[in-house]
C-alpha cells in the first residue's frame, strides 16, 4: 500500500488534495497531519501554509493541555511537591506557546534555522513538563493524557514538515 493510500484510509474526509498527502507523507503521523489540517487550511496547499496550519492545530491542543494543568493547579488538596511540579509545567507550557508563535513568525521570515529550533523547543517543553514530576518522584498526571500525546505528535509533525519549507 502506498503512503498516500495509507493516509487516505485514516483520513476523515473523502477527497484530499494530492499535494497535502505528499506534505503530510513526510511526517511521523500522516493521518493526524491530514485530519488536523483539512478542516482549517485556507489558501494554497504548499509546505509553508500547511505548516502554519499544523502549528495552529498544535496551539489549539496545547491550550487544552494548559487548561488541564491549570485545573490541576487549582485543587486545594495538592501536596507541595505536586504544586511545584504543576507550576513548573505551567511555565514550560507558556514557553511552548512562545516557541510556537516564534515558529510561525520564522516561516514568514524564511528563517529555517529559527523555525527548526523553535519547533524542537516545543517538544523539549513537553518533556520538561513531564520531567518536573519525575524530579519530585511523582507520576506525571499528563503523561498518559490523549491531549498531551496529541500536542507532542503535532509538534513532531511540524518539525518534520519544516524540512519542506524554504
N, C-alpha and C. Protein backbone atom coordinates (compact mmCIF):
# COMPACT_ATOMS: atom_id res chain seq x y z
N UNK A 1 0.85 -1.18 0.00
CA UNK A 1 0.00 0.00 0.00
C UNK A 1 0.90 1.24 0.00
N UNK A 2 0.59 2.18 -0.87
CA UNK A 2 1.38 3.41 -0.95
C UNK A 2 1.13 4.28 0.27
N UNK A 3 2.05 5.23 0.51
CA UNK A 3 1.88 6.16 1.63
C UNK A 3 0.57 6.93 1.49
N UNK A 4 0.28 7.38 0.28
CA UNK A 4 -0.96 8.13 0.05
C UNK A 4 -2.18 7.27 0.38
N UNK A 5 -2.16 6.01 -0.02
CA UNK A 5 -3.29 5.12 0.27
C UNK A 5 -3.45 4.90 1.77
N UNK A 6 -2.32 4.75 2.47
CA UNK A 6 -2.38 4.57 3.92
C UNK A 6 -2.99 5.79 4.60
N UNK A 7 -2.58 6.97 4.16
CA UNK A 7 -3.11 8.21 4.74
C UNK A 7 -4.60 8.30 4.46
N UNK A 8 -4.98 8.07 3.20
CA UNK A 8 -6.39 8.18 2.82
C UNK A 8 -7.28 7.24 3.63
N UNK A 9 -6.75 6.06 3.96
CA UNK A 9 -7.56 5.11 4.72
C UNK A 9 -7.82 5.58 6.15
N UNK A 10 -7.04 6.56 6.63
CA UNK A 10 -7.18 7.04 8.01
C UNK A 10 -7.68 8.48 8.10
N UNK A 11 -8.01 9.07 6.96
CA UNK A 11 -8.44 10.47 6.94
C UNK A 11 -9.96 10.53 6.92
N UNK A 12 -10.51 11.50 7.63
CA UNK A 12 -11.95 11.63 7.79
C UNK A 12 -12.66 12.35 6.64
N UNK A 13 -11.94 12.73 5.61
CA UNK A 13 -12.53 13.50 4.51
C UNK A 13 -12.38 12.68 3.22
N UNK A 14 -13.45 12.61 2.40
CA UNK A 14 -13.42 11.74 1.23
C UNK A 14 -12.39 12.11 0.16
N UNK A 15 -12.20 13.39 -0.13
CA UNK A 15 -11.23 13.74 -1.17
C UNK A 15 -10.18 14.69 -0.59
N UNK A 16 -8.95 14.32 -0.80
CA UNK A 16 -7.83 15.08 -0.24
C UNK A 16 -6.91 15.49 -1.38
N UNK A 17 -6.50 16.74 -1.38
CA UNK A 17 -5.57 17.25 -2.38
C UNK A 17 -4.29 16.41 -2.34
N UNK A 18 -3.85 15.88 -3.48
CA UNK A 18 -2.62 15.08 -3.50
C UNK A 18 -1.40 15.84 -2.95
N UNK A 19 -1.39 17.15 -3.11
CA UNK A 19 -0.27 17.94 -2.56
C UNK A 19 -0.24 17.85 -1.04
N UNK A 20 -1.42 17.84 -0.41
CA UNK A 20 -1.48 17.71 1.05
C UNK A 20 -1.01 16.32 1.46
N UNK A 21 -1.41 15.30 0.71
CA UNK A 21 -0.95 13.94 1.02
C UNK A 21 0.57 13.85 0.95
N UNK A 22 1.14 14.52 -0.04
CA UNK A 22 2.60 14.50 -0.19
C UNK A 22 3.27 15.19 0.99
N UNK A 23 2.75 16.34 1.40
CA UNK A 23 3.33 17.08 2.53
C UNK A 23 3.17 16.28 3.81
N UNK A 24 1.97 15.80 4.06
CA UNK A 24 1.73 15.02 5.29
C UNK A 24 2.49 13.69 5.26
N UNK A 25 2.80 13.22 4.07
CA UNK A 25 3.53 11.96 3.94
C UNK A 25 4.93 11.99 4.52
N UNK A 26 5.50 13.17 4.73
CA UNK A 26 6.85 13.25 5.31
C UNK A 26 6.82 13.24 6.84
N UNK A 27 5.62 13.28 7.41
CA UNK A 27 5.51 13.35 8.87
C UNK A 27 5.45 11.97 9.49
N UNK A 28 5.71 11.94 10.79
CA UNK A 28 5.66 10.69 11.53
C UNK A 28 4.22 10.18 11.67
N UNK A 29 3.26 11.08 11.66
CA UNK A 29 1.84 10.71 11.78
C UNK A 29 1.04 11.40 10.68
N UNK A 30 1.10 10.85 9.45
CA UNK A 30 0.45 11.50 8.32
C UNK A 30 -1.07 11.62 8.46
N UNK A 31 -1.71 10.66 9.07
CA UNK A 31 -3.17 10.73 9.23
C UNK A 31 -3.55 11.88 10.17
N UNK A 32 -2.83 12.01 11.28
CA UNK A 32 -3.07 13.13 12.19
C UNK A 32 -2.83 14.45 11.46
N UNK A 33 -1.78 14.49 10.68
CA UNK A 33 -1.46 15.69 9.89
C UNK A 33 -2.65 16.08 9.02
N UNK A 34 -3.10 15.16 8.19
CA UNK A 34 -4.20 15.47 7.27
C UNK A 34 -5.48 15.82 8.03
N UNK A 35 -5.80 15.05 9.06
CA UNK A 35 -7.03 15.29 9.82
C UNK A 35 -7.00 16.61 10.58
N UNK A 36 -5.84 17.04 11.01
CA UNK A 36 -5.76 18.30 11.76
C UNK A 36 -5.69 19.51 10.84
N UNK A 37 -5.28 19.31 9.60
CA UNK A 37 -5.12 20.41 8.66
C UNK A 37 -6.37 20.64 7.81
N UNK A 38 -6.97 19.57 7.33
CA UNK A 38 -8.08 19.70 6.38
C UNK A 38 -9.19 20.65 6.82
N UNK A 39 -9.66 20.59 8.06
CA UNK A 39 -10.77 21.48 8.42
C UNK A 39 -10.38 22.96 8.50
N UNK A 40 -9.09 23.25 8.54
CA UNK A 40 -8.65 24.62 8.83
C UNK A 40 -7.81 25.27 7.73
N UNK A 41 -7.40 24.51 6.74
CA UNK A 41 -6.49 25.03 5.72
C UNK A 41 -7.19 26.08 4.86
N UNK A 42 -6.56 27.23 4.78
CA UNK A 42 -7.04 28.32 3.92
C UNK A 42 -5.89 28.69 3.00
N UNK A 43 -6.18 28.84 1.75
CA UNK A 43 -5.13 29.24 0.82
C UNK A 43 -4.50 28.05 0.13
N UNK A 44 -3.31 28.27 -0.37
CA UNK A 44 -2.60 27.28 -1.16
C UNK A 44 -2.18 26.08 -0.32
N UNK A 45 -2.19 24.92 -0.99
CA UNK A 45 -1.66 23.72 -0.35
C UNK A 45 -0.18 23.66 -0.72
N UNK A 46 0.61 24.35 0.06
CA UNK A 46 2.07 24.36 -0.12
C UNK A 46 2.69 24.27 1.28
N UNK A 47 3.93 23.81 1.38
CA UNK A 47 4.51 23.49 2.69
C UNK A 47 4.40 24.58 3.75
N UNK A 48 4.70 25.82 3.43
CA UNK A 48 4.67 26.87 4.45
C UNK A 48 3.26 27.08 5.00
N UNK A 49 2.28 27.08 4.13
CA UNK A 49 0.90 27.29 4.56
C UNK A 49 0.37 26.09 5.35
N UNK A 50 0.72 24.89 4.91
CA UNK A 50 0.30 23.68 5.63
C UNK A 50 0.96 23.65 7.00
N UNK A 51 2.24 24.00 7.06
CA UNK A 51 2.94 24.02 8.35
C UNK A 51 2.32 25.05 9.29
N UNK A 52 2.00 26.22 8.77
CA UNK A 52 1.34 27.25 9.59
C UNK A 52 0.04 26.70 10.18
N UNK A 53 -0.71 26.00 9.37
CA UNK A 53 -1.98 25.43 9.83
C UNK A 53 -1.74 24.35 10.88
N UNK A 54 -0.72 23.54 10.71
CA UNK A 54 -0.41 22.49 11.69
C UNK A 54 0.07 23.12 13.01
N UNK A 55 0.81 24.21 12.92
CA UNK A 55 1.23 24.92 14.14
C UNK A 55 -0.01 25.44 14.87
N UNK A 56 -0.96 25.97 14.13
CA UNK A 56 -2.20 26.46 14.75
C UNK A 56 -2.97 25.32 15.42
N UNK A 57 -2.97 24.14 14.80
CA UNK A 57 -3.61 22.97 15.42
C UNK A 57 -2.89 22.59 16.71
N UNK A 58 -1.57 22.69 16.69
CA UNK A 58 -0.76 22.40 17.88
C UNK A 58 -1.09 23.39 19.00
N UNK A 59 -1.23 24.65 18.65
CA UNK A 59 -1.59 25.68 19.64
C UNK A 59 -2.93 25.34 20.28
N UNK A 60 -3.91 24.97 19.47
CA UNK A 60 -5.24 24.66 20.00
C UNK A 60 -5.20 23.47 20.96
N UNK A 61 -4.45 22.44 20.62
CA UNK A 61 -4.34 21.28 21.52
C UNK A 61 -3.56 21.64 22.77
N UNK A 62 -2.53 22.47 22.62
CA UNK A 62 -1.75 22.90 23.79
C UNK A 62 -2.60 23.72 24.74
N UNK A 63 -3.55 24.50 24.19
CA UNK A 63 -4.47 25.26 25.05
C UNK A 63 -5.31 24.30 25.90
N UNK A 64 -5.72 23.20 25.31
CA UNK A 64 -6.49 22.19 26.07
C UNK A 64 -5.64 21.59 27.18
N UNK A 65 -4.37 21.29 26.85
CA UNK A 65 -3.46 20.74 27.87
C UNK A 65 -3.24 21.75 28.99
N UNK A 66 -3.05 23.01 28.62
CA UNK A 66 -2.83 24.06 29.62
C UNK A 66 -4.05 24.20 30.53
N UNK A 67 -5.24 24.09 29.97
CA UNK A 67 -6.46 24.18 30.79
C UNK A 67 -6.49 23.05 31.82
N UNK A 68 -6.05 21.87 31.43
CA UNK A 68 -5.99 20.74 32.37
C UNK A 68 -4.96 21.02 33.45
N UNK A 69 -3.81 21.54 33.05
CA UNK A 69 -2.74 21.86 34.01
C UNK A 69 -3.25 22.90 35.01
N UNK A 70 -3.90 23.94 34.50
CA UNK A 70 -4.41 25.00 35.39
C UNK A 70 -5.48 24.46 36.33
N UNK A 71 -6.32 23.57 35.84
CA UNK A 71 -7.36 22.98 36.69
C UNK A 71 -6.71 22.15 37.80
N UNK A 72 -5.69 21.37 37.44
CA UNK A 72 -4.98 20.57 38.46
C UNK A 72 -4.35 21.49 39.49
N UNK A 73 -3.79 22.60 39.04
CA UNK A 73 -3.12 23.54 39.94
C UNK A 73 -4.07 24.24 40.89
N UNK A 74 -5.34 24.27 40.54
CA UNK A 74 -6.31 24.97 41.40
C UNK A 74 -6.89 24.08 42.50
N UNK A 75 -6.54 22.82 42.48
CA UNK A 75 -7.05 21.91 43.52
C UNK A 75 -6.41 22.24 44.86
N UNK A 76 -7.22 22.31 45.88
CA UNK A 76 -6.77 22.72 47.22
C UNK A 76 -5.94 21.64 47.92
N UNK A 77 -6.16 20.40 47.59
CA UNK A 77 -5.53 19.31 48.33
C UNK A 77 -4.16 18.89 47.78
N UNK A 78 -3.53 19.72 46.98
CA UNK A 78 -2.24 19.36 46.38
C UNK A 78 -1.13 19.38 47.41
N UNK A 79 -0.24 18.40 47.29
CA UNK A 79 0.96 18.43 48.12
C UNK A 79 1.89 19.51 47.59
N UNK A 80 2.82 19.94 48.41
CA UNK A 80 3.78 20.98 47.98
C UNK A 80 4.58 20.53 46.76
N UNK A 81 5.09 19.27 46.73
CA UNK A 81 5.83 18.84 45.53
C UNK A 81 4.96 18.82 44.27
N UNK A 82 3.71 18.37 44.40
CA UNK A 82 2.82 18.33 43.24
C UNK A 82 2.52 19.75 42.77
N UNK A 83 2.27 20.66 43.68
CA UNK A 83 2.01 22.05 43.34
C UNK A 83 3.21 22.66 42.62
N UNK A 84 4.41 22.36 43.10
CA UNK A 84 5.63 22.87 42.48
C UNK A 84 5.79 22.33 41.06
N UNK A 85 5.53 21.03 40.89
CA UNK A 85 5.66 20.42 39.57
C UNK A 85 4.63 21.01 38.59
N UNK A 86 3.43 21.24 39.08
CA UNK A 86 2.39 21.83 38.22
C UNK A 86 2.75 23.27 37.84
N UNK A 87 3.27 24.03 38.80
CA UNK A 87 3.70 25.41 38.49
C UNK A 87 4.80 25.41 37.44
N UNK A 88 5.74 24.48 37.57
CA UNK A 88 6.82 24.35 36.60
C UNK A 88 6.25 24.00 35.22
N UNK A 89 5.27 23.13 35.23
CA UNK A 89 4.62 22.71 33.99
C UNK A 89 3.92 23.90 33.31
N UNK A 90 3.27 24.73 34.10
CA UNK A 90 2.62 25.93 33.55
C UNK A 90 3.66 26.81 32.86
N UNK A 91 4.81 26.97 33.50
CA UNK A 91 5.88 27.79 32.92
C UNK A 91 6.36 27.21 31.60
N UNK A 92 6.54 25.89 31.55
CA UNK A 92 7.05 25.29 30.32
C UNK A 92 6.00 25.37 29.20
N UNK A 93 4.73 25.26 29.55
CA UNK A 93 3.70 25.42 28.52
C UNK A 93 3.60 26.87 28.05
N UNK A 94 3.86 27.82 28.92
CA UNK A 94 3.93 29.22 28.49
C UNK A 94 5.08 29.39 27.50
N UNK A 95 6.22 28.76 27.80
CA UNK A 95 7.36 28.78 26.87
C UNK A 95 6.98 28.11 25.55
N UNK A 96 6.23 27.02 25.64
CA UNK A 96 5.80 26.28 24.46
C UNK A 96 4.97 27.20 23.54
N UNK A 97 4.05 27.95 24.11
CA UNK A 97 3.25 28.88 23.30
C UNK A 97 4.13 29.95 22.65
N UNK A 98 5.11 30.44 23.39
CA UNK A 98 6.04 31.43 22.83
C UNK A 98 6.83 30.83 21.67
N UNK A 99 7.26 29.57 21.83
CA UNK A 99 8.02 28.90 20.77
C UNK A 99 7.17 28.69 19.52
N UNK A 100 5.91 28.31 19.71
CA UNK A 100 5.02 28.13 18.56
C UNK A 100 4.79 29.45 17.83
N UNK A 101 4.63 30.53 18.59
CA UNK A 101 4.46 31.85 17.98
C UNK A 101 5.71 32.23 17.18
N UNK A 102 6.88 32.01 17.78
CA UNK A 102 8.14 32.32 17.10
C UNK A 102 8.33 31.45 15.86
N UNK A 103 7.88 30.20 15.92
CA UNK A 103 7.99 29.31 14.77
C UNK A 103 7.14 29.83 13.61
N UNK A 104 5.93 30.28 13.91
CA UNK A 104 5.07 30.85 12.86
C UNK A 104 5.71 32.08 12.24
N UNK A 105 6.28 32.93 13.08
CA UNK A 105 6.95 34.13 12.57
C UNK A 105 8.15 33.75 11.70
N UNK A 106 8.86 32.70 12.08
CA UNK A 106 10.03 32.26 11.33
C UNK A 106 9.65 31.74 9.94
N UNK A 107 8.47 31.15 9.81
CA UNK A 107 8.01 30.69 8.50
C UNK A 107 7.94 31.88 7.55
N UNK A 108 7.29 32.94 7.99
CA UNK A 108 7.10 34.10 7.14
C UNK A 108 8.39 34.88 6.91
N UNK A 109 9.34 34.76 7.83
CA UNK A 109 10.64 35.41 7.66
C UNK A 109 11.61 34.53 6.86
N UNK A 110 11.16 33.33 6.49
CA UNK A 110 12.00 32.36 5.78
C UNK A 110 13.28 32.05 6.57
N UNK A 111 13.14 31.99 7.88
CA UNK A 111 14.26 31.71 8.78
C UNK A 111 14.15 30.26 9.24
N UNK A 112 14.67 29.36 8.43
CA UNK A 112 14.53 27.93 8.67
C UNK A 112 15.27 27.50 9.94
N UNK A 113 16.39 28.12 10.23
CA UNK A 113 17.14 27.80 11.45
C UNK A 113 16.30 28.06 12.69
N UNK A 114 15.73 29.25 12.78
CA UNK A 114 14.88 29.60 13.92
C UNK A 114 13.65 28.71 13.96
N UNK A 115 13.06 28.44 12.82
CA UNK A 115 11.88 27.58 12.74
C UNK A 115 12.18 26.22 13.37
N UNK A 116 13.28 25.62 12.97
CA UNK A 116 13.65 24.30 13.49
C UNK A 116 13.94 24.34 14.98
N UNK A 117 14.65 25.35 15.42
CA UNK A 117 14.98 25.49 16.85
C UNK A 117 13.70 25.66 17.67
N UNK A 118 12.79 26.50 17.21
CA UNK A 118 11.55 26.75 17.96
C UNK A 118 10.67 25.50 18.03
N UNK A 119 10.58 24.77 16.93
CA UNK A 119 9.77 23.55 16.95
C UNK A 119 10.41 22.46 17.81
N UNK A 120 11.73 22.39 17.81
CA UNK A 120 12.42 21.46 18.71
C UNK A 120 12.19 21.85 20.16
N UNK A 121 12.15 23.15 20.42
CA UNK A 121 11.91 23.64 21.79
C UNK A 121 10.52 23.24 22.28
N UNK A 122 9.55 23.20 21.39
CA UNK A 122 8.19 22.79 21.77
C UNK A 122 8.21 21.36 22.32
N UNK A 123 8.88 20.48 21.60
CA UNK A 123 8.97 19.08 22.04
C UNK A 123 9.72 18.99 23.35
N UNK A 124 10.78 19.77 23.47
CA UNK A 124 11.55 19.81 24.72
C UNK A 124 10.70 20.31 25.88
N UNK A 125 9.86 21.31 25.64
CA UNK A 125 9.00 21.85 26.70
C UNK A 125 8.02 20.80 27.21
N UNK A 126 7.48 19.99 26.32
CA UNK A 126 6.56 18.93 26.72
C UNK A 126 7.27 17.95 27.64
N UNK A 127 8.48 17.56 27.26
CA UNK A 127 9.27 16.63 28.06
C UNK A 127 9.67 17.26 29.38
N UNK A 128 10.02 18.53 29.37
CA UNK A 128 10.41 19.24 30.59
C UNK A 128 9.26 19.25 31.59
N UNK A 129 8.05 19.43 31.10
CA UNK A 129 6.87 19.40 31.97
C UNK A 129 6.80 18.04 32.67
N UNK A 130 6.93 16.98 31.91
CA UNK A 130 6.89 15.63 32.49
C UNK A 130 8.03 15.42 33.48
N UNK A 131 9.22 15.93 33.13
CA UNK A 131 10.40 15.76 33.99
C UNK A 131 10.22 16.42 35.35
N UNK A 132 9.45 17.50 35.40
CA UNK A 132 9.20 18.17 36.68
C UNK A 132 8.53 17.24 37.68
N UNK A 133 7.68 16.37 37.20
CA UNK A 133 7.02 15.40 38.08
C UNK A 133 8.00 14.30 38.48
N UNK A 134 8.80 13.85 37.52
CA UNK A 134 9.79 12.80 37.79
C UNK A 134 10.77 13.26 38.85
N UNK A 135 11.23 14.51 38.73
CA UNK A 135 12.19 15.06 39.71
C UNK A 135 11.61 15.10 41.12
N UNK A 136 10.31 15.26 41.22
CA UNK A 136 9.64 15.28 42.53
C UNK A 136 9.20 13.87 42.95
N UNK A 137 9.62 12.88 42.15
CA UNK A 137 9.26 11.48 42.38
C UNK A 137 7.74 11.29 42.41
N UNK A 138 7.08 11.96 41.47
CA UNK A 138 5.63 11.88 41.34
C UNK A 138 5.28 11.36 39.94
N UNK A 139 4.19 10.64 39.82
CA UNK A 139 3.75 10.26 38.47
C UNK A 139 3.19 11.49 37.76
N UNK A 140 3.52 11.65 36.50
CA UNK A 140 3.00 12.79 35.75
C UNK A 140 1.53 12.55 35.42
N UNK A 141 0.66 13.43 35.89
CA UNK A 141 -0.76 13.26 35.56
C UNK A 141 -1.06 13.56 34.09
N UNK A 142 -0.11 14.14 33.39
CA UNK A 142 -0.31 14.49 31.99
C UNK A 142 0.21 13.44 31.03
N UNK A 143 1.21 12.70 31.46
CA UNK A 143 1.97 11.84 30.55
C UNK A 143 1.09 10.93 29.70
N UNK A 144 0.03 10.41 30.27
CA UNK A 144 -0.81 9.46 29.53
C UNK A 144 -2.08 10.10 28.96
N UNK A 145 -2.22 11.40 29.11
CA UNK A 145 -3.41 12.07 28.58
C UNK A 145 -3.33 12.17 27.06
N UNK A 146 -4.46 11.93 26.41
CA UNK A 146 -4.51 11.98 24.95
C UNK A 146 -4.10 13.35 24.42
N UNK A 147 -4.53 14.42 25.09
CA UNK A 147 -4.23 15.76 24.60
C UNK A 147 -2.72 16.04 24.65
N UNK A 148 -2.04 15.57 25.69
CA UNK A 148 -0.59 15.76 25.79
C UNK A 148 0.12 15.02 24.66
N UNK A 149 -0.31 13.78 24.41
CA UNK A 149 0.27 12.98 23.34
C UNK A 149 0.01 13.64 21.99
N UNK A 150 -1.18 14.20 21.82
CA UNK A 150 -1.52 14.84 20.55
C UNK A 150 -0.68 16.09 20.33
N UNK A 151 -0.45 16.87 21.37
CA UNK A 151 0.41 18.05 21.24
C UNK A 151 1.80 17.62 20.79
N UNK A 152 2.32 16.58 21.41
CA UNK A 152 3.66 16.10 21.07
C UNK A 152 3.71 15.60 19.62
N UNK A 153 2.69 14.86 19.19
CA UNK A 153 2.67 14.36 17.82
C UNK A 153 2.53 15.50 16.81
N UNK A 154 1.68 16.47 17.11
CA UNK A 154 1.53 17.62 16.22
C UNK A 154 2.84 18.40 16.11
N UNK A 155 3.52 18.58 17.24
CA UNK A 155 4.81 19.28 17.23
C UNK A 155 5.83 18.50 16.40
N UNK A 156 5.82 17.18 16.54
CA UNK A 156 6.70 16.34 15.73
C UNK A 156 6.39 16.46 14.25
N UNK A 157 5.10 16.47 13.92
CA UNK A 157 4.70 16.66 12.52
C UNK A 157 5.20 18.00 11.99
N UNK A 158 5.08 19.03 12.81
CA UNK A 158 5.55 20.36 12.41
C UNK A 158 7.05 20.33 12.12
N UNK A 159 7.79 19.69 13.00
CA UNK A 159 9.24 19.60 12.82
C UNK A 159 9.57 18.84 11.53
N UNK A 160 8.83 17.76 11.26
CA UNK A 160 9.05 17.01 10.02
C UNK A 160 8.74 17.87 8.80
N UNK A 161 7.66 18.63 8.84
CA UNK A 161 7.27 19.48 7.70
C UNK A 161 8.22 20.65 7.49
N UNK A 162 8.87 21.09 8.55
CA UNK A 162 9.78 22.23 8.44
C UNK A 162 10.87 21.98 7.40
N UNK A 163 11.20 20.72 7.19
CA UNK A 163 12.24 20.36 6.20
C UNK A 163 11.81 20.71 4.78
N UNK A 164 10.50 20.86 4.57
CA UNK A 164 9.98 21.15 3.23
C UNK A 164 9.90 22.65 2.94
N UNK A 165 10.00 23.45 3.98
CA UNK A 165 9.84 24.91 3.83
C UNK A 165 11.18 25.51 3.42
N UNK A 166 11.12 26.41 2.44
CA UNK A 166 12.38 27.08 2.05
C UNK A 166 12.15 28.54 1.78
